[in-house]
Amino acid sequence: GRGMEGLIELVNRLQDAFAALGQSCLLELPQIAVVGGQSAGKSSVLENCVSR
């Protein structure tokens, strides 16, 4: 959704601002892996998580 796009844009802008100051931006972002067979609904699960 638009909310996630806005969040990604914000994180990118923060990283750019820190880089311009010569600092690193160490954000602890969650990482996930979705595993399953073809047509098992992996994309649907991710889309539902992001839209909440």
N, C-alpha and C. Protein backbone atom coordinates (compact mmCIF):
# COMPACT_ATOMS: atom_id res chain seq x y z
N GLY A 1 0.80 -1.18 0.00
CA GLY A 1 0.00 0.00 0.00
C GLY A 1 0.85 1.26 0.00
N ARG A 2 0.19 2.38 -0.02
CA ARG A 2 0.88 3.68 -0.02
C ARG A 2 1.68 3.87 1.26
N GLY A 3 1.20 3.33 2.37
CA GLY A 3 1.92 3.47 3.63
C GLY A 3 3.31 2.88 3.57
N MET A 4 3.44 1.71 2.97
CA MET A 4 4.75 1.08 2.87
C MET A 4 5.65 1.86 1.93
N GLU A 5 5.09 2.37 0.82
CA GLU A 5 5.89 3.18 -0.10
C GLU A 5 6.42 4.42 0.60
N GLY A 6 5.58 5.04 1.41
CA GLY A 6 6.00 6.21 2.16
C GLY A 6 7.09 5.88 3.16
N LEU A 7 6.99 4.73 3.80
CA LEU A 7 8.00 4.31 4.76
C LEU A 7 9.34 4.06 4.07
N ILE A 8 9.30 3.39 2.93
CA ILE A 8 10.53 3.12 2.19
C ILE A 8 11.18 4.43 1.76
N GLU A 9 10.36 5.37 1.28
CA GLU A 9 10.87 6.69 0.88
C GLU A 9 11.52 7.40 2.07
N LEU A 10 10.89 7.34 3.23
CA LEU A 10 11.42 7.97 4.43
C LEU A 10 12.76 7.36 4.83
N VAL A 11 12.85 6.05 4.83
CA VAL A 11 14.10 5.37 5.18
C VAL A 11 15.20 5.75 4.20
N ASN A 12 14.88 5.81 2.92
CA ASN A 12 15.88 6.21 1.92
C ASN A 12 16.36 7.63 2.16
N ARG A 13 15.44 8.53 2.50
CA ARG A 13 15.82 9.92 2.76
C ARG A 13 16.68 10.03 4.01
N LEU A 14 16.37 9.25 5.03
CA LEU A 14 17.20 9.24 6.23
C LEU A 14 18.61 8.75 5.92
N GLN A 15 18.71 7.68 5.14
CA GLN A 15 20.02 7.16 4.77
C GLN A 15 20.81 8.19 3.98
N ASP A 16 20.16 8.90 3.06
CA ASP A 16 20.83 9.95 2.28
C ASP A 16 21.31 11.08 3.18
N ALA A 17 20.48 11.48 4.15
CA ALA A 17 20.85 12.57 5.06
C ALA A 17 22.06 12.17 5.90
N PHE A 18 22.07 10.96 6.43
CA PHE A 18 23.21 10.50 7.22
C PHE A 18 24.46 10.43 6.36
N ALA A 19 24.34 9.95 5.13
CA ALA A 19 25.49 9.86 4.23
C ALA A 19 26.05 11.25 3.93
N ALA A 20 25.18 12.24 3.75
CA ALA A 20 25.62 13.61 3.48
C ALA A 20 26.41 14.18 4.66
N LEU A 21 26.10 13.71 5.86
CA LEU A 21 26.81 14.15 7.06
C LEU A 21 28.04 13.30 7.35
N GLY A 22 28.30 12.31 6.50
CA GLY A 22 29.45 11.43 6.71
C GLY A 22 29.23 10.42 7.82
N GLN A 23 27.99 10.16 8.14
CA GLN A 23 27.65 9.21 9.19
C GLN A 23 26.96 7.99 8.58
N SER A 24 27.05 6.88 9.29
CA SER A 24 26.31 5.71 8.83
C SER A 24 24.97 5.67 9.56
N CYS A 25 23.99 5.17 8.87
CA CYS A 25 22.64 5.07 9.42
C CYS A 25 22.36 3.59 9.64
N LEU A 26 22.54 3.15 10.87
CA LEU A 26 22.36 1.74 11.19
C LEU A 26 20.95 1.52 11.73
N LEU A 27 20.03 1.25 10.82
CA LEU A 27 18.66 0.96 11.22
C LEU A 27 18.49 -0.55 11.35
N GLU A 28 17.96 -0.97 12.46
CA GLU A 28 17.69 -2.39 12.69
C GLU A 28 16.34 -2.73 12.06
N LEU A 29 16.36 -3.05 10.78
CA LEU A 29 15.13 -3.38 10.07
C LEU A 29 14.87 -4.88 10.14
N PRO A 30 13.62 -5.29 10.29
CA PRO A 30 13.32 -6.72 10.34
C PRO A 30 13.58 -7.39 8.99
N GLN A 31 14.00 -8.63 9.06
CA GLN A 31 14.20 -9.42 7.85
C GLN A 31 13.38 -10.70 8.00
N ILE A 32 12.69 -11.06 6.95
CA ILE A 32 11.88 -12.27 6.99
C ILE A 32 12.12 -13.08 5.72
N ALA A 33 11.81 -14.34 5.81
CA ALA A 33 11.85 -15.23 4.65
C ALA A 33 10.52 -15.98 4.61
N VAL A 34 9.91 -16.02 3.45
CA VAL A 34 8.66 -16.75 3.27
C VAL A 34 8.97 -17.90 2.33
N VAL A 35 8.73 -19.10 2.81
CA VAL A 35 9.07 -20.30 2.06
C VAL A 35 7.81 -21.09 1.78
N GLY A 36 7.70 -21.61 0.58
CA GLY A 36 6.55 -22.43 0.23
C GLY A 36 6.57 -22.77 -1.24
N GLY A 37 5.75 -23.69 -1.58
CA GLY A 37 5.66 -24.15 -2.97
C GLY A 37 5.02 -23.11 -3.87
N GLN A 38 5.09 -23.37 -5.16
CA GLN A 38 4.49 -22.49 -6.14
C GLN A 38 2.98 -22.40 -5.91
N SER A 39 2.44 -21.22 -6.00
CA SER A 39 1.00 -20.97 -5.80
C SER A 39 0.52 -21.35 -4.40
N ALA A 40 1.41 -21.24 -3.40
CA ALA A 40 1.04 -21.58 -2.03
C ALA A 40 0.51 -20.38 -1.25
N GLY A 41 0.55 -19.17 -1.86
CA GLY A 41 0.02 -17.99 -1.20
C GLY A 41 1.06 -17.14 -0.49
N LYS A 42 2.34 -17.30 -0.84
CA LYS A 42 3.40 -16.52 -0.18
C LYS A 42 3.20 -15.02 -0.38
N SER A 43 2.93 -14.61 -1.59
CA SER A 43 2.73 -13.18 -1.87
C SER A 43 1.52 -12.64 -1.12
N SER A 44 0.47 -13.42 -1.03
CA SER A 44 -0.73 -12.98 -0.31
C SER A 44 -0.43 -12.77 1.16
N VAL A 45 0.35 -13.64 1.76
CA VAL A 45 0.73 -13.49 3.17
C VAL A 45 1.50 -12.19 3.37
N LEU A 46 2.49 -11.94 2.51
CA LEU A 46 3.28 -10.71 2.63
C LEU A 46 2.42 -9.47 2.42
N GLU A 47 1.56 -9.50 1.43
CA GLU A 47 0.69 -8.34 1.15
C GLU A 47 -0.22 -8.05 2.34
N ASN A 48 -0.74 -9.08 2.98
CA ASN A 48 -1.59 -8.89 4.15
C ASN A 48 -0.81 -8.33 5.33
N CYS A 49 0.42 -8.75 5.50
CA CYS A 49 1.25 -8.22 6.59
C CYS A 49 1.57 -6.75 6.37
N VAL A 50 1.87 -6.38 5.15
CA VAL A 50 2.26 -5.01 4.83
C VAL A 50 1.08 -4.06 4.94
N SER A 51 -0.10 -4.51 4.61
CA SER A 51 -1.25 -3.62 4.60
C SER A 51 -1.81 -3.36 5.99
N ARG A 52 -1.30 -3.99 7.00
CA ARG A 52 -1.82 -3.81 8.37
C ARG A 52 -1.03 -2.77 9.11
